[in-house]
Amino acid sequence: MRIDFLGLHAFVAIAERGSFQHAAAHLNLSQTALSHRIRKLEEDLGVKLLSRTTREVSLTQAGLNLLPKVKDTIENLSVSLDELRREGRSRQETLAIGCLPTIASGRLPRALQRFQEQHPDVFVRIYDNSATEIADLVQAGTVEFGITMVAAHRWDFDIEMLIRDSFVLVCPEDHPLASQSSLSWSDLAEEPLIRISSRAGNRIIIDDALGSRRESLCWRFEAQHIQTAIALVRPAWR
């Protein structure tokens, strides 16, 4: 079966941007050419992927089902092509590392800058994933090493302690607890709290520290990433 990659690429561009106009600009196509690609793709598949009105573009159920599969395929194909290109560059080596998002956005850029100064020909791929995902990537050999929580290690891993960090409470500046230099879990018993997904290394450590007390606390939100949890603390959410 012949695969219409141009049509699939156009479909993803429209789905991600919600607009034929913006998708056409992104792909450097006219809207007419873009419409032709989508129409041809839908005719080949025998299903309607997009529902278009004068005001908006939405996905049909078939489009919703197809989108994640196409995006995964394009991403995997892109990675494969990148690997082939790098194989053709004899001087360029590749280093794949796993890193927690908080470290990747904080300490990692400066370290990578120094690394690139010493190894300018090395291509670095960063998997900024959760602690559990990083452990899986190390186990599978996808990354050379992971920068993650010690609590997320497995017994067959070699562990090297790099830094020790304290847990802190994040709250609005005018909150009564903001002036405290230290807190106990009992101080938070009546406070609405935000926790991180169980896949995160921080969650594992906090759950272990709380024990049975964790169910008595007032968990109001759960986020997948610390950055999201911190954003929810801002005054607009009070």
Protein backbone atom coordinates (compact mmCIF):
# COMPACT_ATOMS: atom_id res chain seq x y z
CA MET A 1 0.00 0.00 0.00
CA ARG A 2 1.32 3.44 -0.94
CA ILE A 3 1.43 5.80 2.07
CA ASP A 4 0.53 9.44 1.48
CA PHE A 5 3.15 11.06 3.72
CA LEU A 6 2.47 14.54 2.34
CA GLY A 7 -1.21 14.19 3.15
CA LEU A 8 -0.50 12.86 6.65
CA HIS A 9 1.95 15.69 7.31
CA ALA A 10 -0.70 18.19 6.21
CA PHE A 11 -3.28 16.53 8.44
CA VAL A 12 -1.04 16.80 11.52
CA ALA A 13 -0.22 20.45 10.75
CA ILE A 14 -3.91 21.37 10.58
CA ALA A 15 -4.81 19.34 13.68
CA GLU A 16 -2.06 20.98 15.74
CA ARG A 17 -2.86 24.52 14.62
CA GLY A 18 -6.63 24.30 14.24
CA SER A 19 -6.48 26.35 11.06
CA PHE A 20 -5.90 25.75 7.35
CA GLN A 21 -4.36 29.22 7.10
CA HIS A 22 -1.79 28.67 9.83
CA ALA A 23 -1.02 25.14 8.67
CA ALA A 24 -0.49 26.34 5.09
CA ALA A 25 1.89 29.04 6.31
CA HIS A 26 3.80 26.49 8.40
CA LEU A 27 4.17 24.13 5.43
CA ASN A 28 4.86 26.99 3.01
CA LEU A 29 1.88 25.99 0.88
CA SER A 30 -1.14 27.81 -0.49
CA GLN A 31 -4.45 26.98 1.21
CA THR A 32 -5.61 25.54 -2.09
CA ALA A 33 -2.68 23.14 -2.25
CA LEU A 34 -3.22 22.19 1.40
CA SER A 35 -6.91 21.53 0.83
CA HIS A 36 -6.03 19.34 -2.15
CA ARG A 37 -3.67 17.24 -0.01
CA ILE A 38 -6.30 16.71 2.69
CA ARG A 39 -9.03 15.90 0.17
CA LYS A 40 -6.77 13.36 -1.56
CA LEU A 41 -5.84 11.77 1.79
CA GLU A 42 -9.48 11.46 2.84
CA GLU A 43 -10.41 9.96 -0.54
CA ASP A 44 -7.60 7.39 -0.26
CA LEU A 45 -8.67 6.43 3.28
CA GLY A 46 -12.39 6.53 2.55
CA VAL A 47 -13.16 8.49 5.74
CA LYS A 48 -13.61 12.13 6.72
CA LEU A 49 -10.80 13.34 9.00
CA LEU A 50 -11.65 17.02 9.40
CA SER A 51 -14.85 18.93 9.90
CA ARG A 52 -14.44 22.42 8.50
CA THR A 53 -16.79 25.40 8.93
CA THR A 54 -16.35 29.07 8.15
CA ARG A 55 -15.24 29.66 11.74
CA GLU A 56 -13.23 26.64 12.84
CA VAL A 57 -11.68 23.30 11.98
CA SER A 58 -12.24 20.25 14.19
CA LEU A 59 -11.35 16.57 13.99
CA THR A 60 -13.90 13.89 13.31
CA GLN A 61 -13.81 10.73 15.43
CA ALA A 62 -11.73 9.06 12.72
CA GLY A 63 -9.35 12.01 12.80
CA LEU A 64 -9.07 11.84 16.59
CA ASN A 65 -8.25 8.13 16.39
CA LEU A 66 -5.68 8.62 13.64
CA LEU A 67 -3.83 11.70 14.98
CA PRO A 68 -1.74 10.15 17.81
CA LYS A 69 -0.73 7.22 15.61
CA VAL A 70 0.40 9.52 12.79
CA LYS A 71 2.30 11.79 15.18
CA ASP A 72 4.11 8.81 16.70
CA THR A 73 4.97 7.49 13.24
CA ILE A 74 6.32 10.85 12.08
CA GLU A 75 8.35 11.24 15.28
CA ASN A 76 9.83 7.74 14.97
CA LEU A 77 10.60 8.30 11.30
CA SER A 78 12.22 11.64 12.08
CA VAL A 79 14.43 10.02 14.74
CA SER A 80 15.41 7.25 12.31
CA LEU A 81 16.32 9.74 9.60
CA ASP A 82 18.36 11.78 12.07
CA GLU A 83 20.25 8.63 13.03
CA LEU A 84 20.96 7.85 9.38
CA ARG A 85 22.21 11.39 8.76
CA ARG A 86 24.53 11.15 11.75
CA GLU A 87 25.88 7.81 10.54
CA GLY A 88 26.92 9.63 7.38
CA ARG A 89 28.90 12.14 9.39
CA SER A 90 31.96 10.22 10.46
CA ARG A 91 33.15 12.91 12.85
CA GLN A 92 29.92 13.28 14.79
CA GLU A 93 29.16 11.07 17.80
CA THR A 94 25.90 10.87 19.72
CA LEU A 95 25.26 11.03 23.45
CA ALA A 96 21.77 10.25 24.77
CA ILE A 97 20.97 11.14 28.37
CA GLY A 98 17.89 11.08 30.58
CA CYS A 99 17.21 14.02 32.87
CA LEU A 100 14.41 15.21 35.13
CA PRO A 101 12.63 18.25 33.63
CA THR A 102 13.47 20.42 36.64
CA ILE A 103 17.18 19.70 36.23
CA ALA A 104 16.99 19.93 32.45
CA SER A 105 15.61 23.47 32.67
CA GLY A 106 17.85 24.52 35.56
CA ARG A 107 21.34 23.07 35.94
CA LEU A 108 21.70 21.13 32.70
CA PRO A 109 22.06 23.99 30.13
CA ARG A 110 25.23 25.35 31.76
CA ALA A 111 26.75 21.87 32.04
CA LEU A 112 25.96 21.15 28.37
CA GLN A 113 27.48 24.46 27.35
CA ARG A 114 30.78 23.45 28.95
CA PHE A 115 30.48 19.98 27.40
CA GLN A 116 29.96 21.43 23.91
CA GLU A 117 32.99 23.67 24.32
CA GLN A 118 35.10 20.57 24.97
CA HIS A 119 33.30 18.23 22.53
CA PRO A 120 31.85 20.40 19.73
CA ASP A 121 31.24 17.45 17.38
CA VAL A 122 29.06 15.42 19.75
CA PHE A 123 25.29 15.48 19.18
CA VAL A 124 23.35 15.34 22.47
CA ARG A 125 19.81 13.97 22.69
CA ILE A 126 18.02 14.80 25.96
CA TYR A 127 15.09 12.75 27.27
CA ASP A 128 13.56 15.15 29.82
CA ASN A 129 11.17 12.61 31.33
CA SER A 130 9.89 11.50 34.71
CA ALA A 131 12.05 9.49 37.12
CA THR A 132 10.23 6.25 36.28
CA GLU A 133 10.62 6.82 32.54
CA ILE A 134 14.32 7.64 32.92
CA ALA A 135 14.88 4.39 34.82
CA ASP A 136 13.17 2.51 31.97
CA LEU A 137 15.36 4.29 29.38
CA VAL A 138 18.54 3.37 31.25
CA GLN A 139 17.33 -0.23 31.63
CA ALA A 140 16.63 -0.44 27.90
CA GLY A 141 19.99 1.09 26.95
CA THR A 142 18.30 3.98 25.15
CA VAL A 143 20.35 6.50 27.17
CA GLU A 144 23.92 6.33 28.41
CA PHE A 145 22.92 7.52 31.87
CA GLY A 146 20.14 9.30 33.72
CA ILE A 147 20.16 12.30 36.05
CA THR A 148 17.29 11.51 38.36
CA MET A 149 16.14 10.81 41.92
CA VAL A 150 17.98 8.18 43.95
CA ALA A 151 14.58 6.78 44.94
CA ALA A 152 13.97 5.88 41.31
CA HIS A 153 17.05 3.59 41.03
CA ARG A 154 17.03 -0.12 40.41
CA TRP A 155 19.31 -2.57 42.10
CA ASP A 156 21.27 -3.38 38.95
CA PHE A 157 22.17 0.28 38.34
CA ASP A 158 25.42 1.98 39.34
CA ILE A 159 24.51 5.07 41.37
CA GLU A 160 26.66 8.17 41.89
CA MET A 161 25.39 10.90 44.21
CA LEU A 162 25.82 14.32 42.55
CA ILE A 163 23.88 16.73 44.79
CA ARG A 164 21.57 16.75 47.80
CA ASP A 165 18.49 18.95 47.63
CA SER A 166 15.92 19.89 50.24
CA PHE A 167 12.16 19.78 49.80
CA VAL A 168 10.50 23.16 50.20
CA LEU A 169 6.95 24.46 50.41
CA VAL A 170 5.83 26.68 47.53
CA CYS A 171 3.05 29.09 48.50
CA PRO A 172 1.94 32.69 47.76
CA GLU A 173 4.13 35.37 49.35
CA ASP A 174 1.32 36.62 51.58
CA HIS A 175 0.38 33.16 52.88
CA PRO A 176 0.79 32.78 56.69
CA LEU A 177 3.23 29.89 56.20
CA ALA A 178 5.50 31.88 53.87
CA SER A 179 7.32 33.51 56.80
CA GLN A 180 8.19 30.18 58.45
CA SER A 181 11.78 28.99 58.14
CA SER A 182 10.75 25.34 58.51
CA LEU A 183 7.52 23.34 58.60
CA SER A 184 6.25 19.95 59.64
CA TRP A 185 3.64 17.91 57.79
CA SER A 186 1.17 18.63 60.61
CA ASP A 187 1.40 22.35 59.75
CA LEU A 188 -0.11 21.49 56.35
CA ALA A 189 -2.99 19.37 57.66
CA GLU A 190 -5.68 21.95 56.84
CA GLU A 191 -4.09 23.44 53.73
CA PRO A 192 -5.25 22.67 50.14
CA LEU A 193 -2.26 20.96 48.55
CA ILE A 194 -1.01 20.13 45.06
CA ARG A 195 0.84 16.87 44.49
CA ILE A 196 2.79 15.37 41.61
CA SER A 197 1.90 12.24 39.64
CA SER A 198 2.89 8.89 41.13
CA ARG A 199 5.33 8.39 38.22
CA ALA A 200 7.53 11.22 39.54
CA GLY A 201 10.47 10.50 41.83
CA ASN A 202 9.47 13.35 44.15
CA ARG A 203 6.07 11.75 44.72
CA ILE A 204 7.67 8.45 45.70
CA ILE A 205 9.89 10.11 48.31
CA ILE A 206 7.06 12.23 49.72
CA ASP A 207 4.67 9.27 49.91
CA ASP A 208 7.30 7.24 51.77
CA ALA A 209 7.89 10.11 54.20
CA LEU A 210 4.18 10.62 54.86
CA GLY A 211 3.23 6.98 55.27
CA SER A 212 -0.41 6.63 56.32
CA ARG A 213 -0.68 10.39 56.91
CA ARG A 214 -0.78 11.13 53.18
CA GLU A 215 -4.45 10.14 52.92
CA SER A 216 -5.45 12.60 55.65
CA LEU A 217 -4.00 15.63 53.85
CA CYS A 218 -6.16 17.84 51.63
CA TRP A 219 -4.96 17.10 48.10
CA ARG A 220 -6.76 19.54 45.80
CA PHE A 221 -4.85 19.05 42.51
CA GLU A 222 -2.48 16.53 40.94
CA ALA A 223 -0.09 17.54 38.14
CA GLN A 224 2.34 15.55 36.01
CA HIS A 225 5.20 18.05 36.33
CA ILE A 226 6.53 20.29 39.08
CA GLN A 227 6.38 23.36 36.82
CA THR A 228 2.62 22.90 36.49
CA ALA A 229 2.17 22.45 40.24
CA ILE A 230 4.12 25.65 40.92
CA ALA A 231 2.02 27.55 38.39
CA LEU A 232 -1.15 26.47 40.22
CA VAL A 233 0.10 28.17 43.39
CA ARG A 234 0.05 31.61 41.78
CA PRO A 235 -2.51 34.13 43.15
CA ALA A 236 -4.84 33.69 40.17
CA TRP A 237 -5.75 30.24 41.52
CA ARG A 238 -6.71 31.43 45.01
